[in-house]
C-alpha cells in the first residue's frame, strides 16, 4: 500500500547538520536563527522552555520530544525563565557536550538537540504539509532514535551519511505518526488522520498518472464533491487539485534531477498526455522550463 507520509519524508532527503548534548545549570537563555531547517530536541533530565518558530514557549520535562520541521528562530531557556537581559551561547566542554548557564552552577537539565537540512528543492512545499511543531511526551522509541542519530553523527563509520539520512527519515515518520490526530495545523498528517480524506490522498499517490477530477476523488472519500473540496482544503491546507499538481511537480523534479529520461517520458510518468502540456505546467509552477531545470541541476 502506498504511504504518502513516507513518500513525502523520503522526498525531503534530510541530512544532518549537527547534533549535540546540552547541559544547563542556573538561569540561561539562548537564541538561534536558522534558514528554516528541521530542529529536534529530547530532554533527558530536568526541564526547560523552548520555542522553535512562531508560538508560545513549550514547557519541556524529562522524556519530552520536540520537533519543528522548519524552525526559522529558536529560543530556549531555563525554567523558570531568566531576566530578559540574560542571553548565553553554548560553550563547548568536550566530546560533543556543550554547557549553558554559569560554569559553577549545578547542572539541572540535560538534552539532546539536532539540526537537519533538507536537500529537496521542494522542501518549502513539502514541509508546509507537515505540522509546524510536534510535542510528544514519554515516547521511548523517539528518545532511542535521537540517541542513535546523535551517536552516528559523531562517529566516523562507513556509509555514515546514508545511515544518518535513513535514521532521520525514521525519526521524522515516528514523530509525525505519533502526533497523528493531535496535529493542530493543516497539512498531510491531519489529512491522513481523516479516514475519508486519507483514501483520496492515497489514491493520488498510488496513481499520479491518473487524470483525477475532484468528483472522482470525492467518490474515493465517500463524500459529495462540495463537501470533499471544502474538507480537503481546510484539513490539508491546499485544494485537492493544487495538492495533486504539487505532488506531480515534486516527482517530476526528482526524475529530471536523477534520471536521463526524455521530457516526454517524465510527462507521461506524472500524468500528462504530452510533453508540451507538461512543459507549460512545469514552467508555470517552477518558473523555468523542464529542459533547463534538468540541465541546471546537479543529481542528488
C-alpha atoms as a PDB file:
ATOM      1  CA  UNK A   1       0.000   0.000   0.000  1.00  0.00           C
ATOM      2  CA  UNK A   2       1.257   3.484  -0.881  1.00  0.00           C
ATOM      3  CA  UNK A   3       2.220   5.518   2.211  1.00  0.00           C
ATOM      4  CA  UNK A   4       2.014   9.268   1.384  1.00  0.00           C
ATOM      5  CA  UNK A   5       3.715  10.343   4.622  1.00  0.00           C
ATOM      6  CA  UNK A   6       6.716   8.079   3.972  1.00  0.00           C
ATOM      7  CA  UNK A   7       6.903   9.342   0.379  1.00  0.00           C
ATOM      8  CA  UNK A   8       6.948  12.993   1.445  1.00  0.00           C
ATOM      9  CA  UNK A   9       9.572  12.443   4.158  1.00  0.00           C
ATOM     10  CA  UNK A  10      11.749  10.420   1.770  1.00  0.00           C
ATOM     11  CA  UNK A  11      11.484  13.103  -0.921  1.00  0.00           C
ATOM     12  CA  UNK A  12      12.639  15.747   1.588  1.00  0.00           C
ATOM     13  CA  UNK A  13      16.036  13.992   1.775  1.00  0.00           C
ATOM     14  CA  UNK A  14      17.082  15.074   5.290  1.00  0.00           C
ATOM     15  CA  UNK A  15      20.789  15.352   6.068  1.00  0.00           C
ATOM     16  CA  UNK A  16      22.397  16.047   9.439  1.00  0.00           C
ATOM     17  CA  UNK A  17      23.942  19.460  10.083  1.00  0.00           C
ATOM     18  CA  UNK A  18      24.918  18.814  13.678  1.00  0.00           C
ATOM     19  CA  UNK A  19      23.834  17.083  16.868  1.00  0.00           C
ATOM     20  CA  UNK A  20      24.962  17.892  20.405  1.00  0.00           C
ATOM     21  CA  UNK A  21      24.360  17.153  24.072  1.00  0.00           C
ATOM     22  CA  UNK A  22      23.430  20.290  26.027  1.00  0.00           C
ATOM     23  CA  UNK A  23      23.921  20.594  29.796  1.00  0.00           C
ATOM     24  CA  UNK A  24      22.351  23.597  31.535  1.00  0.00           C
ATOM     25  CA  UNK A  25      22.655  24.986  35.042  1.00  0.00           C
ATOM     26  CA  UNK A  26      21.176  28.048  36.707  1.00  0.00           C
ATOM     27  CA  UNK A  27      19.429  30.782  34.667  1.00  0.00           C
ATOM     28  CA  UNK A  28      20.170  30.819  30.920  1.00  0.00           C
ATOM     29  CA  UNK A  29      18.662  31.777  27.590  1.00  0.00           C
ATOM     30  CA  UNK A  30      19.894  31.043  24.070  1.00  0.00           C
ATOM     31  CA  UNK A  31      18.678  32.317  20.699  1.00  0.00           C
ATOM     32  CA  UNK A  32      19.499  30.938  17.292  1.00  0.00           C
ATOM     33  CA  UNK A  33      18.396  31.928  13.780  1.00  0.00           C
ATOM     34  CA  UNK A  34      18.196  29.112  11.238  1.00  0.00           C
ATOM     35  CA  UNK A  35      17.433  29.026   7.493  1.00  0.00           C
ATOM     36  CA  UNK A  36      14.225  27.101   8.112  1.00  0.00           C
ATOM     37  CA  UNK A  37      15.909  23.776   8.865  1.00  0.00           C
ATOM     38  CA  UNK A  38      14.472  20.952  10.930  1.00  0.00           C
ATOM     39  CA  UNK A  39      15.117  21.171  14.672  1.00  0.00           C
ATOM     40  CA  UNK A  40      14.593  18.454  17.259  1.00  0.00           C
ATOM     41  CA  UNK A  41      15.155  18.180  20.985  1.00  0.00           C
ATOM     42  CA  UNK A  42      14.713  15.437  23.578  1.00  0.00           C
ATOM     43  CA  UNK A  43      15.016  16.268  27.287  1.00  0.00           C
ATOM     44  CA  UNK A  44      16.931  13.592  29.167  1.00  0.00           C
ATOM     45  CA  UNK A  45      16.815  15.167  32.633  1.00  0.00           C
ATOM     46  CA  UNK A  46      15.298  18.265  34.195  1.00  0.00           C
ATOM     47  CA  UNK A  47      13.134  20.849  32.433  1.00  0.00           C
ATOM     48  CA  UNK A  48      13.382  23.886  30.165  1.00  0.00           C
ATOM     49  CA  UNK A  49      11.398  26.147  27.853  1.00  0.00           C
ATOM     50  CA  UNK A  50      11.736  26.007  24.072  1.00  0.00           C
ATOM     51  CA  UNK A  51      10.126  27.961  21.261  1.00  0.00           C
ATOM     52  CA  UNK A  52      11.163  26.876  17.744  1.00  0.00           C
ATOM     53  CA  UNK A  53       9.488  29.210  15.264  1.00  0.00           C
ATOM     54  CA  UNK A  54       6.241  31.033  15.984  1.00  0.00           C
ATOM     55  CA  UNK A  55       4.148  30.299  19.031  1.00  0.00           C
ATOM     56  CA  UNK A  56       4.369  30.356  22.800  1.00  0.00           C
ATOM     57  CA  UNK A  57       7.310  28.641  24.532  1.00  0.00           C
ATOM     58  CA  UNK A  58       6.728  24.963  25.296  1.00  0.00           C
ATOM     59  CA  UNK A  59       7.499  23.669  28.774  1.00  0.00           C
ATOM     60  CA  UNK A  60       9.607  20.545  28.288  1.00  0.00           C
ATOM     61  CA  UNK A  61      10.284  17.997  31.020  1.00  0.00           C
ATOM     62  CA  UNK A  62      12.295  14.763  31.139  1.00  0.00           C
ATOM     63  CA  UNK A  63      11.173  12.386  28.412  1.00  0.00           C
ATOM     64  CA  UNK A  64       9.657  15.102  26.186  1.00  0.00           C
ATOM     65  CA  UNK A  65      10.423  15.238  22.463  1.00  0.00           C
ATOM     66  CA  UNK A  66      10.044  18.363  20.339  1.00  0.00           C
ATOM     67  CA  UNK A  67      10.346  18.563  16.553  1.00  0.00           C
ATOM     68  CA  UNK A  68       9.915  21.563  14.245  1.00  0.00           C
ATOM     69  CA  UNK A  69      10.277  20.724  10.523  1.00  0.00           C
ATOM     70  CA  UNK A  70      11.068  24.357   9.690  1.00  0.00           C
ATOM     71  CA  UNK A  71      12.487  26.414  12.550  1.00  0.00           C
ATOM     72  CA  UNK A  72      13.412  29.952  11.488  1.00  0.00           C
ATOM     73  CA  UNK A  73      14.150  31.200  15.004  1.00  0.00           C
ATOM     74  CA  UNK A  74      14.723  29.155  18.136  1.00  0.00           C
ATOM     75  CA  UNK A  75      14.607  30.488  21.678  1.00  0.00           C
ATOM     76  CA  UNK A  76      15.285  28.185  24.638  1.00  0.00           C
ATOM     77  CA  UNK A  77      15.718  28.985  28.300  1.00  0.00           C
ATOM     78  CA  UNK A  78      15.890  27.597  31.782  1.00  0.00           C
ATOM     79  CA  UNK A  79      12.639  27.105  33.674  1.00  0.00           C
ATOM     80  CA  UNK A  80      11.580  29.409  35.198  1.00  0.00           C
ATOM     81  CA  UNK A  81      12.929  31.828  32.568  1.00  0.00           C
ATOM     82  CA  UNK A  82      15.740  34.234  33.466  1.00  0.00           C
ATOM     83  CA  UNK A  83      15.551  38.048  33.272  1.00  0.00           C
ATOM     84  CA  UNK A  84      15.196  39.382  29.719  1.00  0.00           C
ATOM     85  CA  UNK A  85      18.764  40.689  29.642  1.00  0.00           C
ATOM     86  CA  UNK A  86      20.225  37.190  30.165  1.00  0.00           C
ATOM     87  CA  UNK A  87      21.460  35.580  26.957  1.00  0.00           C
ATOM     88  CA  UNK A  88      24.072  32.867  26.535  1.00  0.00           C
ATOM     89  CA  UNK A  89      25.844  30.920  23.834  1.00  0.00           C
ATOM     90  CA  UNK A  90      26.614  27.209  24.325  1.00  0.00           C
ATOM     91  CA  UNK A  91      30.210  26.691  25.459  1.00  0.00           C
ATOM     92  CA  UNK A  92      31.954  23.516  24.301  1.00  0.00           C
ATOM     93  CA  UNK A  93      33.267  21.419  27.177  1.00  0.00           C
ATOM     94  CA  UNK A  94      34.486  18.452  25.098  1.00  0.00           C
ATOM     95  CA  UNK A  95      33.285  15.239  23.455  1.00  0.00           C
ATOM     96  CA  UNK A  96      30.305  16.872  21.755  1.00  0.00           C
ATOM     97  CA  UNK A  97      28.941  18.290  25.045  1.00  0.00           C
ATOM     98  CA  UNK A  98      28.005  21.970  25.414  1.00  0.00           C
ATOM     99  CA  UNK A  99      27.268  24.000  28.535  1.00  0.00           C
ATOM    100  CA  UNK A 100      24.615  26.684  29.131  1.00  0.00           C
ATOM    101  CA  UNK A 101      24.460  28.921  32.171  1.00  0.00           C
ATOM    102  CA  UNK A 102      27.066  29.757  34.777  1.00  0.00           C
ATOM    103  CA  UNK A 103      30.042  27.380  34.808  1.00  0.00           C
ATOM    104  CA  UNK A 104      29.808  26.977  38.586  1.00  0.00           C
ATOM    105  CA  UNK A 105      26.051  26.291  38.658  1.00  0.00           C
ATOM    106  CA  UNK A 106      24.975  22.707  39.346  1.00  0.00           C
ATOM    107  CA  UNK A 107      23.611  21.087  36.144  1.00  0.00           C
ATOM    108  CA  UNK A 108      19.823  20.761  36.296  1.00  0.00           C
ATOM    109  CA  UNK A 109      18.922  19.897  32.668  1.00  0.00           C
ATOM    110  CA  UNK A 110      20.385  17.595  30.002  1.00  0.00           C
ATOM    111  CA  UNK A 111      19.060  17.412  26.449  1.00  0.00           C
ATOM    112  CA  UNK A 112      19.994  16.163  23.017  1.00  0.00           C
ATOM    113  CA  UNK A 113      19.363  18.604  20.173  1.00  0.00           C
ATOM    114  CA  UNK A 114      19.938  18.413  16.441  1.00  0.00           C
ATOM    115  CA  UNK A 115      19.580  20.481  13.286  1.00  0.00           C
ATOM    116  CA  UNK A 116      18.973  18.936   9.866  1.00  0.00           C
ATOM    117  CA  UNK A 117      18.877  20.290   6.338  1.00  0.00           C
ATOM    118  CA  UNK A 118      16.507  19.144   3.586  1.00  0.00           C
ATOM    119  CA  UNK A 119      18.214  18.597   0.231  1.00  0.00           C
ATOM    120  CA  UNK A 120      14.961  18.645  -1.754  1.00  0.00           C
ATOM    121  CA  UNK A 121      14.357  21.805  -3.818  1.00  0.00           C
ATOM    122  CA  UNK A 122      10.688  21.307  -2.908  1.00  0.00           C
ATOM    123  CA  UNK A 123      11.434  21.426   0.819  1.00  0.00           C
ATOM    124  CA  UNK A 124       9.291  24.522   1.471  1.00  0.00           C
ATOM    125  CA  UNK A 125       6.258  22.966  -0.198  1.00  0.00           C
ATOM    126  CA  UNK A 126       6.698  19.556   1.415  1.00  0.00           C
ATOM    127  CA  UNK A 127       7.361  20.991   4.880  1.00  0.00           C
ATOM    128  CA  UNK A 128       4.198  23.089   4.549  1.00  0.00           C
ATOM    129  CA  UNK A 129       2.275  19.792   4.517  1.00  0.00           C
ATOM    130  CA  UNK A 130       3.636  18.877   7.962  1.00  0.00           C
ATOM    131  CA  UNK A 131       2.732  20.215  11.432  1.00  0.00           C
ATOM    132  CA  UNK A 132       4.683  23.322  12.435  1.00  0.00           C
ATOM    133  CA  UNK A 133       5.628  21.842  15.807  1.00  0.00           C
ATOM    134  CA  UNK A 134       5.344  18.351  17.256  1.00  0.00           C
ATOM    135  CA  UNK A 135       5.496  17.936  21.037  1.00  0.00           C
ATOM    136  CA  UNK A 136       5.373  14.380  22.371  1.00  0.00           C
ATOM    137  CA  UNK A 137       5.710  13.105  25.928  1.00  0.00           C
ATOM    138  CA  UNK A 138       7.203   9.858  27.198  1.00  0.00           C
ATOM    139  CA  UNK A 139       7.946   8.076  23.915  1.00  0.00           C
ATOM    140  CA  UNK A 140      10.973   5.864  24.494  1.00  0.00           C
ATOM    141  CA  UNK A 141      11.213   4.909  20.825  1.00  0.00           C
ATOM    142  CA  UNK A 142      11.765   8.555  19.869  1.00  0.00           C
ATOM    143  CA  UNK A 143      14.388   9.047  22.579  1.00  0.00           C
ATOM    144  CA  UNK A 144      16.165   5.906  21.363  1.00  0.00           C
ATOM    145  CA  UNK A 145      16.119   7.124  17.746  1.00  0.00           C
ATOM    146  CA  UNK A 146      17.510  10.525  18.766  1.00  0.00           C
ATOM    147  CA  UNK A 147      20.289   8.769  20.702  1.00  0.00           C
ATOM    148  CA  UNK A 148      21.156   6.679  17.622  1.00  0.00           C
ATOM    149  CA  UNK A 149      21.203   9.801  15.430  1.00  0.00           C
ATOM    150  CA  UNK A 150      23.427  11.606  17.918  1.00  0.00           C
ATOM    151  CA  UNK A 151      25.873   8.687  18.178  1.00  0.00           C
ATOM    152  CA  UNK A 152      26.034   8.181  14.418  1.00  0.00           C
ATOM    153  CA  UNK A 153      26.582  11.893  13.736  1.00  0.00           C
ATOM    154  CA  UNK A 154      29.712  11.888  15.908  1.00  0.00           C
ATOM    155  CA  UNK A 155      31.122   8.589  14.610  1.00  0.00           C
ATOM    156  CA  UNK A 156      33.410   8.097  11.621  1.00  0.00           C
ATOM    157  CA  UNK A 157      31.931   4.906  10.211  1.00  0.00           C
ATOM    158  CA  UNK A 158      31.458   3.611   6.638  1.00  0.00           C
ATOM    159  CA  UNK A 159      28.217   4.791   4.975  1.00  0.00           C
ATOM    160  CA  UNK A 160      27.705   7.301   7.806  1.00  0.00           C
ATOM    161  CA  UNK A 161      25.755   9.818   5.697  1.00  0.00           C
ATOM    162  CA  UNK A 162      23.430   7.147   4.312  1.00  0.00           C
ATOM    163  CA  UNK A 163      22.737   5.730   7.777  1.00  0.00           C
ATOM    164  CA  UNK A 164      22.085   9.218   9.150  1.00  0.00           C
ATOM    165  CA  UNK A 165      19.706  10.019   6.314  1.00  0.00           C
ATOM    166  CA  UNK A 166      17.681   6.858   6.941  1.00  0.00           C
ATOM    167  CA  UNK A 167      17.667   7.395  10.726  1.00  0.00           C
ATOM    168  CA  UNK A 168      16.415  10.953  10.256  1.00  0.00           C
ATOM    169  CA  UNK A 169      13.634   9.741   7.969  1.00  0.00           C
ATOM    170  CA  UNK A 170      12.572   7.157  10.560  1.00  0.00           C
ATOM    171  CA  UNK A 171      12.763   9.764  13.335  1.00  0.00           C
ATOM    172  CA  UNK A 172      10.507  12.155  11.420  1.00  0.00           C
ATOM    173  CA  UNK A 173       7.985   9.481  10.475  1.00  0.00           C
ATOM    174  CA  UNK A 174       7.821   8.134  14.020  1.00  0.00           C
ATOM    175  CA  UNK A 175       7.254  11.621  15.447  1.00  0.00           C
ATOM    176  CA  UNK A 176       4.631  12.530  12.856  1.00  0.00           C
ATOM    177  CA  UNK A 177       2.648   9.318  13.128  1.00  0.00           C
ATOM    178  CA  UNK A 178       2.649   9.550  16.931  1.00  0.00           C
ATOM    179  CA  UNK A 179       1.244  13.062  16.746  1.00  0.00           C
ATOM    180  CA  UNK A 180      -1.449  11.792  14.304  1.00  0.00           C
ATOM    181  CA  UNK A 181      -4.820  13.193  15.198  1.00  0.00           C
ATOM    182  CA  UNK A 182      -3.335  15.731  17.619  1.00  0.00           C
ATOM    183  CA  UNK A 183      -1.706  17.707  14.775  1.00  0.00           C
ATOM    184  CA  UNK A 184      -3.100  21.208  15.200  1.00  0.00           C
ATOM    185  CA  UNK A 185      -2.068  22.788  11.897  1.00  0.00           C
ATOM    186  CA  UNK A 186      -3.493  21.840   8.480  1.00  0.00           C
ATOM    187  CA  UNK A 187      -1.336  19.502   6.434  1.00  0.00           C
ATOM    188  CA  UNK A 188      -0.712  15.981   5.268  1.00  0.00           C
ATOM    189  CA  UNK A 189      -0.608  14.442   8.764  1.00  0.00           C
ATOM    190  CA  UNK A 190      -4.002  15.910   9.596  1.00  0.00           C
ATOM    191  CA  UNK A 191      -5.352  14.777   6.216  1.00  0.00           C
ATOM    192  CA  UNK A 192      -4.161  11.208   6.755  1.00  0.00           C
ATOM    193  CA  UNK A 193      -5.754  11.203  10.214  1.00  0.00           C
ATOM    194  CA  UNK A 194      -9.116  11.771   8.475  1.00  0.00           C
ATOM    195  CA  UNK A 195     -10.104   8.317   7.226  1.00  0.00           C
ATOM    196  CA  UNK A 196     -12.145   9.646   4.310  1.00  0.00           C
ATOM    197  CA  UNK A 197      -9.569  12.151   3.097  1.00  0.00           C
ATOM    198  CA  UNK A 198      -6.819   9.561   3.576  1.00  0.00           C
ATOM    199  CA  UNK A 199      -8.454   7.390   0.908  1.00  0.00           C
ATOM    200  CA  UNK A 200      -8.281  10.219  -1.622  1.00  0.00           C
ATOM    201  CA  UNK A 201      -4.706  11.171  -0.692  1.00  0.00           C
ATOM    202  CA  UNK A 202      -3.512   7.573  -1.007  1.00  0.00           C
ATOM    203  CA  UNK A 203      -5.266   7.287  -4.370  1.00  0.00           C
ATOM    204  CA  UNK A 204      -3.405  10.342  -5.705  1.00  0.00           C
ATOM    205  CA  UNK A 205      -0.063   8.981  -4.509  1.00  0.00           C
ATOM    206  CA  UNK A 206      -0.782   5.482  -5.807  1.00  0.00           C
ATOM    207  CA  UNK A 207      -1.748   6.693  -9.294  1.00  0.00           C
ATOM    208  CA  UNK A 208      -0.249  10.128 -10.003  1.00  0.00           C
ATOM    209  CA  UNK A 209      -0.627   9.411 -13.747  1.00  0.00           C
ATOM    210  CA  UNK A 210      -4.411   9.095 -13.490  1.00  0.00           C
ATOM    211  CA  UNK A 211      -6.467  12.041 -14.760  1.00  0.00           C
ATOM    212  CA  UNK A 212      -8.054  12.676 -11.380  1.00  0.00           C
ATOM    213  CA  UNK A 213     -11.004  15.027 -11.017  1.00  0.00           C
ATOM    214  CA  UNK A 214     -12.457  16.443  -7.833  1.00  0.00           C
ATOM    215  CA  UNK A 215     -15.572  14.334  -8.410  1.00  0.00           C
ATOM    216  CA  UNK A 216     -13.520  11.118  -8.638  1.00  0.00           C
ATOM    217  CA  UNK A 217     -11.525  11.964  -5.530  1.00  0.00           C
ATOM    218  CA  UNK A 218     -14.754  12.799  -3.698  1.00  0.00           C
ATOM    219  CA  UNK A 219     -16.019   9.293  -4.532  1.00  0.00           C
ATOM    220  CA  UNK A 220     -12.799   7.846  -3.086  1.00  0.00           C
ATOM    221  CA  UNK A 221     -13.597   9.746   0.111  1.00  0.00           C
ATOM    222  CA  UNK A 222     -17.308   8.820   0.020  1.00  0.00           C
ATOM    223  CA  UNK A 223     -18.253  12.494   0.179  1.00  0.00           C
ATOM    224  CA  UNK A 224     -20.147  14.878  -2.044  1.00  0.00           C
ATOM    225  CA  UNK A 225     -17.995  16.949  -4.373  1.00  0.00           C
ATOM    226  CA  UNK A 226     -18.523  20.216  -2.462  1.00  0.00           C
ATOM    227  CA  UNK A 227     -18.125  18.624   0.981  1.00  0.00           C
ATOM    228  CA  UNK A 228     -14.915  16.885  -0.105  1.00  0.00           C
ATOM    229  CA  UNK A 229     -13.436  20.045  -1.625  1.00  0.00           C
ATOM    230  CA  UNK A 230     -14.035  22.156   1.490  1.00  0.00           C
ATOM    231  CA  UNK A 231     -12.964  19.428   3.906  1.00  0.00           C
ATOM    232  CA  UNK A 232      -9.754  18.727   1.962  1.00  0.00           C
ATOM    233  CA  UNK A 233      -8.793  22.391   1.663  1.00  0.00           C
ATOM    234  CA  UNK A 234      -9.474  23.108   5.324  1.00  0.00           C
ATOM    235  CA  UNK A 235      -7.665  19.981   6.579  1.00  0.00           C
ATOM    236  CA  UNK A 236      -4.684  19.764   4.219  1.00  0.00           C
ATOM    237  CA  UNK A 237      -4.273  23.471   3.536  1.00  0.00           C
ATOM    238  CA  UNK A 238      -4.436  23.096  -0.261  1.00  0.00           C
ATOM    239  CA  UNK A 239      -7.253  22.455  -2.704  1.00  0.00           C
ATOM    240  CA  UNK A 240      -7.267  18.845  -3.993  1.00  0.00           C
ATOM    241  CA  UNK A 241      -6.047  19.716  -7.495  1.00  0.00           C
ATOM    242  CA  UNK A 242      -3.383  22.042  -6.101  1.00  0.00           C
ATOM    243  CA  UNK A 243      -2.127  19.204  -3.906  1.00  0.00           C
ATOM    244  CA  UNK A 244      -2.080  16.810  -6.872  1.00  0.00           C
ATOM    245  CA  UNK A 245      -0.213  19.343  -9.022  1.00  0.00           C
ATOM    246  CA  UNK A 246       2.349  19.992  -6.292  1.00  0.00           C
ATOM    247  CA  UNK A 247       2.944  16.264  -5.820  1.00  0.00           C
ATOM    248  CA  UNK A 248       3.300  15.647  -9.572  1.00  0.00           C
ATOM    249  CA  UNK A 249       5.794  18.512  -9.886  1.00  0.00           C
ATOM    250  CA  UNK A 250       7.810  17.210  -6.922  1.00  0.00           C
ATOM    251  CA  UNK A 251       8.015  13.796  -8.600  1.00  0.00           C
ATOM    252  CA  UNK A 252       8.938  15.401 -11.920  1.00  0.00           C
ATOM    253  CA  UNK A 253      11.762  17.398 -10.317  1.00  0.00           C
ATOM    254  CA  UNK A 254      13.226  14.239  -8.809  1.00  0.00           C
ATOM    255  CA  UNK A 255      13.081  12.472 -12.185  1.00  0.00           C
ATOM    256  CA  UNK A 256      14.641  15.412 -14.014  1.00  0.00           C
ATOM    257  CA  UNK A 257      17.493  15.605 -11.496  1.00  0.00           C
ATOM    258  CA  UNK A 258      18.257  11.912 -11.207  1.00  0.00           C
ATOM    259  CA  UNK A 259      17.150  10.252 -14.452  1.00  0.00           C
ATOM    260  CA  UNK A 260      18.248  10.535 -18.031  1.00  0.00           C
ATOM    261  CA  UNK A 261      14.614  10.357 -19.125  1.00  0.00           C
ATOM    262  CA  UNK A 262      13.265  12.354 -22.031  1.00  0.00           C
ATOM    263  CA  UNK A 263      10.812  15.128 -21.181  1.00  0.00           C
ATOM    264  CA  UNK A 264       8.048  13.121 -22.853  1.00  0.00           C
ATOM    265  CA  UNK A 265       8.753  10.151 -20.569  1.00  0.00           C
ATOM    266  CA  UNK A 266       8.706  12.322 -17.441  1.00  0.00           C
ATOM    267  CA  UNK A 267       5.459  13.917 -18.624  1.00  0.00           C
ATOM    268  CA  UNK A 268       3.828  10.511 -19.041  1.00  0.00           C
ATOM    269  CA  UNK A 269       5.062   9.298 -15.631  1.00  0.00           C
ATOM    270  CA  UNK A 270       3.433  12.230 -13.832  1.00  0.00           C
ATOM    271  CA  UNK A 271       0.116  12.177 -15.664  1.00  0.00           C
ATOM    272  CA  UNK A 272       0.437  14.471 -18.694  1.00  0.00           C
ATOM    273  CA  UNK A 273      -0.683  13.444 -22.153  1.00  0.00           C
ATOM    274  CA  UNK A 274       2.069  15.334 -23.977  1.00  0.00           C
ATOM    275  CA  UNK A 275       5.484  16.853 -23.399  1.00  0.00           C
ATOM    276  CA  UNK A 276       4.210  20.299 -24.394  1.00  0.00           C
ATOM    277  CA  UNK A 277       1.346  20.245 -21.878  1.00  0.00           C
ATOM    278  CA  UNK A 278       3.732  19.109 -19.162  1.00  0.00           C
ATOM    279  CA  UNK A 279       6.316  21.759 -20.106  1.00  0.00           C
ATOM    280  CA  UNK A 280       3.736  24.545 -19.831  1.00  0.00           C
ATOM    281  CA  UNK A 281       2.541  23.287 -16.416  1.00  0.00           C
ATOM    282  CA  UNK A 282       6.095  22.757 -15.137  1.00  0.00           C
ATOM    283  CA  UNK A 283       7.269  26.182 -16.304  1.00  0.00           C
ATOM    284  CA  UNK A 284       4.284  27.892 -14.701  1.00  0.00           C
ATOM    285  CA  UNK A 285       4.748  26.007 -11.417  1.00  0.00           C
ATOM    286  CA  UNK A 286       8.569  26.042 -11.135  1.00  0.00           C
ATOM    287  CA  UNK A 287       9.448  29.195 -13.060  1.00  0.00           C
ATOM    288  CA  UNK A 288      11.803  27.521 -15.541  1.00  0.00           C
ATOM    289  CA  UNK A 289      11.275  25.029 -18.407  1.00  0.00           C
ATOM    290  CA  UNK A 290      11.922  21.357 -17.565  1.00  0.00           C
ATOM    291  CA  UNK A 291      14.834  21.055 -20.032  1.00  0.00           C
ATOM    292  CA  UNK A 292      16.673  23.976 -18.443  1.00  0.00           C
ATOM    293  CA  UNK A 293      15.833  22.715 -14.960  1.00  0.00           C
ATOM    294  CA  UNK A 294      17.321  19.311 -15.760  1.00  0.00           C
ATOM    295  CA  UNK A 295      20.497  20.852 -17.218  1.00  0.00           C
ATOM    296  CA  UNK A 296      20.981  23.314 -14.367  1.00  0.00           C
ATOM    297  CA  UNK A 297      20.538  20.867 -11.511  1.00  0.00           C
ATOM    298  CA  UNK A 298      23.177  18.545 -10.142  1.00  0.00           C
ATOM    299  CA  UNK A 299      21.930  14.997  -9.438  1.00  0.00           C
ATOM    300  CA  UNK A 300      21.208  14.353  -5.769  1.00  0.00           C
END
